[in-house]
C-alpha cells in the first residue's frame, strides 16, 4: 500500500505526473502513427523513438525548472543535452 504525504505536496506531484503522462501519450501516439514510414510518413521507428525521447526530456527539464524552484540546471545536464543532440545527428545522418 502506498502512503501519500499530503503535507509535503505528494498529491500535487503525483497528479501533475499523471497529467503530464496523459498529454504526452495523447500527442506522441498519433504523431508516431502519422510519421512512421510504413504509414506514409517519412521517419523510421528508430528516428521516431529518438524524437520522442528528446522532446520528452526537453519538456521535462523545462517543466522541472519552472515548477520546482529547488532544481538548478548544472553542467552535467548540459553535457547530457549535447549527447542528445549527437544522438539525433547520428540517427538522422544519411548513409
N, C-alpha and C. Protein backbone atom coordinates (compact mmCIF):
# COMPACT_ATOMS: atom_id res chain seq x y z
N UNK A 1 0.84 -1.17 0.00
CA UNK A 1 0.00 0.00 0.00
C UNK A 1 0.88 1.24 0.00
N UNK A 2 0.55 2.23 -0.78
CA UNK A 2 1.34 3.45 -0.88
C UNK A 2 0.86 4.48 0.13
N UNK A 3 1.79 5.13 0.74
CA UNK A 3 1.46 6.22 1.65
C UNK A 3 1.68 7.53 0.91
N UNK A 4 0.72 8.43 1.02
CA UNK A 4 0.81 9.72 0.36
C UNK A 4 1.00 10.79 1.42
N UNK A 5 2.07 11.56 1.29
CA UNK A 5 2.34 12.64 2.22
C UNK A 5 1.66 13.90 1.70
N UNK A 6 0.46 14.16 2.20
CA UNK A 6 -0.30 15.31 1.72
C UNK A 6 0.33 16.63 2.13
N UNK A 7 0.99 16.65 3.28
CA UNK A 7 1.61 17.90 3.76
C UNK A 7 2.83 18.26 2.91
N UNK A 8 3.50 17.27 2.34
CA UNK A 8 4.71 17.51 1.57
C UNK A 8 4.47 17.76 0.10
N UNK A 9 3.22 17.82 -0.32
CA UNK A 9 2.92 18.08 -1.73
C UNK A 9 2.94 16.85 -2.60
N UNK A 10 2.91 15.66 -2.00
CA UNK A 10 2.97 14.42 -2.76
C UNK A 10 1.79 14.24 -3.69
N UNK A 11 0.62 14.66 -3.24
CA UNK A 11 -0.57 14.53 -4.07
C UNK A 11 -0.48 15.40 -5.32
N UNK A 12 0.03 16.62 -5.15
CA UNK A 12 0.16 17.53 -6.29
C UNK A 12 1.19 17.01 -7.29
N UNK A 13 2.30 16.50 -6.78
CA UNK A 13 3.34 15.98 -7.67
C UNK A 13 2.83 14.76 -8.42
N UNK A 14 2.14 13.87 -7.72
CA UNK A 14 1.59 12.68 -8.37
C UNK A 14 0.57 13.03 -9.43
N UNK A 15 -0.29 13.99 -9.13
CA UNK A 15 -1.30 14.42 -10.09
C UNK A 15 -0.66 15.07 -11.30
N UNK A 16 0.34 15.91 -11.09
CA UNK A 16 0.99 16.58 -12.22
C UNK A 16 1.72 15.57 -13.09
N UNK A 17 2.30 14.53 -12.49
CA UNK A 17 2.97 13.50 -13.28
C UNK A 17 1.98 12.73 -14.14
N UNK A 18 0.81 12.43 -13.58
CA UNK A 18 -0.21 11.71 -14.34
C UNK A 18 -0.73 12.55 -15.49
N UNK A 19 -0.95 13.84 -15.25
CA UNK A 19 -1.41 14.73 -16.31
C UNK A 19 -0.36 14.88 -17.40
N UNK A 20 0.89 14.99 -16.99
CA UNK A 20 1.99 15.10 -17.95
C UNK A 20 2.04 13.85 -18.83
N UNK A 21 1.94 12.68 -18.22
CA UNK A 21 1.99 11.43 -18.98
C UNK A 21 0.78 11.31 -19.91
N UNK A 22 -0.39 11.75 -19.46
CA UNK A 22 -1.59 11.68 -20.29
C UNK A 22 -1.45 12.53 -21.55
N UNK A 23 -1.01 13.78 -21.38
CA UNK A 23 -0.88 14.66 -22.54
C UNK A 23 0.26 14.21 -23.46
N UNK A 24 1.31 13.69 -22.87
CA UNK A 24 2.41 13.15 -23.69
C UNK A 24 1.89 12.00 -24.54
N UNK A 25 1.11 11.12 -23.95
CA UNK A 25 0.55 9.98 -24.68
C UNK A 25 -0.39 10.45 -25.79
N UNK A 26 -1.21 11.45 -25.49
CA UNK A 26 -2.19 11.95 -26.47
C UNK A 26 -1.51 12.52 -27.72
N UNK A 27 -0.35 13.11 -27.56
CA UNK A 27 0.33 13.70 -28.71
C UNK A 27 1.28 12.72 -29.40
N UNK A 28 1.96 11.88 -28.64
CA UNK A 28 3.00 11.05 -29.23
C UNK A 28 2.46 9.85 -30.01
N UNK A 29 1.40 9.23 -29.54
CA UNK A 29 0.90 8.06 -30.24
C UNK A 29 0.40 8.43 -31.64
N UNK A 30 -0.45 9.46 -31.78
CA UNK A 30 -0.85 9.83 -33.16
C UNK A 30 0.33 10.31 -34.00
N UNK A 31 1.26 11.03 -33.38
CA UNK A 31 2.42 11.51 -34.14
C UNK A 31 3.25 10.34 -34.64
N UNK A 32 3.42 9.30 -33.83
CA UNK A 32 4.18 8.14 -34.27
C UNK A 32 3.47 7.40 -35.39
N UNK A 33 2.16 7.32 -35.33
CA UNK A 33 1.41 6.65 -36.40
C UNK A 33 1.48 7.44 -37.70
N UNK A 34 1.38 8.74 -37.61
CA UNK A 34 1.41 9.58 -38.81
C UNK A 34 2.81 9.63 -39.41
N UNK A 35 3.83 9.71 -38.55
CA UNK A 35 5.20 9.89 -39.03
C UNK A 35 5.90 8.64 -39.48
N UNK A 36 5.38 7.46 -39.14
CA UNK A 36 6.06 6.21 -39.49
C UNK A 36 6.04 5.98 -41.00
N UNK A 37 7.18 5.60 -41.53
CA UNK A 37 7.33 5.39 -42.97
C UNK A 37 6.36 4.33 -43.49
N UNK A 38 6.02 3.35 -42.67
CA UNK A 38 5.10 2.30 -43.09
C UNK A 38 3.67 2.79 -43.25
N UNK A 39 3.37 3.96 -42.67
CA UNK A 39 2.02 4.55 -42.78
C UNK A 39 2.03 5.79 -43.67
N UNK A 40 3.04 5.94 -44.49
CA UNK A 40 3.10 7.08 -45.39
C UNK A 40 3.92 8.25 -44.87
N UNK A 41 4.48 8.13 -43.68
CA UNK A 41 5.31 9.19 -43.11
C UNK A 41 6.73 9.10 -43.63
N UNK A 42 7.59 9.89 -43.05
CA UNK A 42 8.96 9.94 -43.56
C UNK A 42 10.01 9.49 -42.55
N UNK A 43 9.61 8.92 -41.40
CA UNK A 43 10.57 8.55 -40.36
C UNK A 43 10.53 7.05 -40.09
N UNK A 44 11.71 6.51 -39.75
CA UNK A 44 11.77 5.12 -39.31
C UNK A 44 11.36 5.05 -37.84
N UNK A 45 11.16 3.84 -37.34
CA UNK A 45 10.78 3.68 -35.93
C UNK A 45 11.88 4.19 -35.00
N UNK A 46 13.12 3.95 -35.35
CA UNK A 46 14.24 4.42 -34.52
C UNK A 46 14.27 5.95 -34.48
N UNK A 47 14.08 6.58 -35.62
CA UNK A 47 14.07 8.04 -35.66
C UNK A 47 12.91 8.60 -34.82
N UNK A 48 11.75 7.98 -34.92
CA UNK A 48 10.60 8.43 -34.13
C UNK A 48 10.87 8.29 -32.63
N UNK A 49 11.52 7.21 -32.24
CA UNK A 49 11.83 7.00 -30.81
C UNK A 49 12.81 8.05 -30.32
N UNK A 50 13.81 8.38 -31.11
CA UNK A 50 14.78 9.40 -30.70
C UNK A 50 14.09 10.76 -30.59
N UNK A 51 13.24 11.10 -31.54
CA UNK A 51 12.50 12.36 -31.46
C UNK A 51 11.65 12.38 -30.20
N UNK A 52 10.97 11.28 -29.91
CA UNK A 52 10.11 11.18 -28.73
C UNK A 52 10.91 11.41 -27.45
N UNK A 53 12.06 10.79 -27.34
CA UNK A 53 12.86 10.93 -26.12
C UNK A 53 13.40 12.35 -25.96
N UNK A 54 13.86 12.95 -27.05
CA UNK A 54 14.39 14.31 -26.97
C UNK A 54 13.30 15.29 -26.56
N UNK A 55 12.12 15.15 -27.15
CA UNK A 55 11.00 16.04 -26.78
C UNK A 55 10.60 15.81 -25.34
N UNK A 56 10.48 14.56 -24.91
CA UNK A 56 10.07 14.26 -23.54
C UNK A 56 11.06 14.82 -22.52
N UNK A 57 12.33 14.60 -22.74
CA UNK A 57 13.33 15.08 -21.79
C UNK A 57 13.40 16.60 -21.80
N UNK A 58 13.28 17.22 -22.96
CA UNK A 58 13.31 18.68 -23.03
C UNK A 58 12.12 19.29 -22.29
N UNK A 59 10.93 18.75 -22.51
CA UNK A 59 9.74 19.27 -21.82
C UNK A 59 9.86 19.03 -20.32
N UNK A 60 10.37 17.86 -19.93
CA UNK A 60 10.54 17.57 -18.51
C UNK A 60 11.49 18.54 -17.84
N UNK A 61 12.61 18.84 -18.49
CA UNK A 61 13.58 19.77 -17.90
C UNK A 61 12.99 21.17 -17.77
N UNK A 62 12.31 21.64 -18.80
CA UNK A 62 11.69 22.97 -18.74
C UNK A 62 10.63 23.00 -17.64
N UNK A 63 9.79 21.97 -17.58
CA UNK A 63 8.75 21.88 -16.55
C UNK A 63 9.37 21.87 -15.16
N UNK A 64 10.42 21.08 -14.98
CA UNK A 64 11.06 20.97 -13.68
C UNK A 64 11.67 22.29 -13.24
N UNK A 65 12.33 22.98 -14.17
CA UNK A 65 12.96 24.26 -13.81
C UNK A 65 11.92 25.34 -13.50
N UNK A 66 10.78 25.30 -14.16
CA UNK A 66 9.75 26.31 -13.93
C UNK A 66 8.90 26.03 -12.69
N UNK A 67 8.56 24.77 -12.46
CA UNK A 67 7.64 24.43 -11.38
C UNK A 67 8.37 24.18 -10.06
N UNK A 68 9.45 23.44 -10.12
CA UNK A 68 10.19 23.11 -8.90
C UNK A 68 11.41 24.02 -8.81
N UNK A 69 11.28 25.07 -8.06
CA UNK A 69 12.32 26.10 -7.99
C UNK A 69 13.59 25.63 -7.28
N UNK A 70 13.58 24.47 -6.65
CA UNK A 70 14.76 23.99 -5.94
C UNK A 70 15.78 23.35 -6.89
N UNK A 71 15.36 23.00 -8.10
CA UNK A 71 16.26 22.38 -9.06
C UNK A 71 17.02 23.44 -9.85
N UNK A 72 18.26 23.14 -10.16
CA UNK A 72 19.07 24.04 -10.98
C UNK A 72 19.60 23.27 -12.18
N UNK A 73 19.89 23.99 -13.23
CA UNK A 73 20.46 23.40 -14.44
C UNK A 73 21.97 23.43 -14.29
N UNK A 74 22.59 22.25 -14.21
CA UNK A 74 24.02 22.15 -13.95
C UNK A 74 24.79 21.74 -15.22
N UNK A 75 26.09 21.75 -15.09
CA UNK A 75 26.97 21.44 -16.22
C UNK A 75 26.74 20.02 -16.74
N UNK A 76 26.54 19.06 -15.84
CA UNK A 76 26.32 17.69 -16.30
C UNK A 76 25.02 17.57 -17.09
N UNK A 77 24.02 18.42 -16.80
CA UNK A 77 22.80 18.43 -17.60
C UNK A 77 23.10 18.94 -19.02
N UNK A 78 23.93 19.95 -19.10
CA UNK A 78 24.33 20.48 -20.40
C UNK A 78 25.04 19.41 -21.23
N UNK A 79 25.94 18.68 -20.61
CA UNK A 79 26.64 17.59 -21.30
C UNK A 79 25.66 16.54 -21.78
N UNK A 80 24.66 16.22 -20.95
CA UNK A 80 23.63 15.26 -21.36
C UNK A 80 22.87 15.73 -22.59
N UNK A 81 22.56 17.04 -22.65
CA UNK A 81 21.87 17.57 -23.82
C UNK A 81 22.76 17.55 -25.06
N UNK A 82 24.04 17.76 -24.88
CA UNK A 82 24.97 17.66 -26.01
C UNK A 82 24.94 16.23 -26.57
N UNK A 83 24.91 15.24 -25.68
CA UNK A 83 24.84 13.86 -26.15
C UNK A 83 23.51 13.57 -26.85
N UNK A 84 22.42 14.19 -26.38
CA UNK A 84 21.14 14.03 -27.07
C UNK A 84 21.20 14.60 -28.48
N UNK A 85 21.83 15.75 -28.62
CA UNK A 85 21.99 16.37 -29.94
C UNK A 85 22.84 15.48 -30.84
N UNK A 86 23.89 14.90 -30.28
CA UNK A 86 24.72 13.97 -31.05
C UNK A 86 23.92 12.73 -31.46
N UNK A 87 23.06 12.24 -30.57
CA UNK A 87 22.23 11.08 -30.92
C UNK A 87 21.32 11.41 -32.09
N UNK A 88 20.72 12.58 -32.06
CA UNK A 88 19.86 12.99 -33.17
C UNK A 88 20.66 13.10 -34.45
N UNK A 89 21.85 13.67 -34.36
CA UNK A 89 22.71 13.82 -35.55
C UNK A 89 23.02 12.44 -36.16
N UNK A 90 23.43 11.48 -35.33
CA UNK A 90 23.82 10.18 -35.87
C UNK A 90 22.62 9.37 -36.34
N UNK A 91 21.48 9.50 -35.70
CA UNK A 91 20.29 8.76 -36.12
C UNK A 91 19.78 9.27 -37.47
N UNK A 92 19.84 10.59 -37.67
CA UNK A 92 19.31 11.18 -38.91
C UNK A 92 20.36 11.33 -40.01
N UNK A 93 21.59 10.98 -39.73
CA UNK A 93 22.66 11.09 -40.73
C UNK A 93 22.41 10.09 -41.86
N UNK A 94 22.43 10.59 -43.11
CA UNK A 94 22.26 9.66 -44.23
C UNK A 94 23.45 8.70 -44.34
N UNK A 95 23.17 7.53 -44.88
CA UNK A 95 24.24 6.52 -45.01
C UNK A 95 25.30 6.94 -45.97
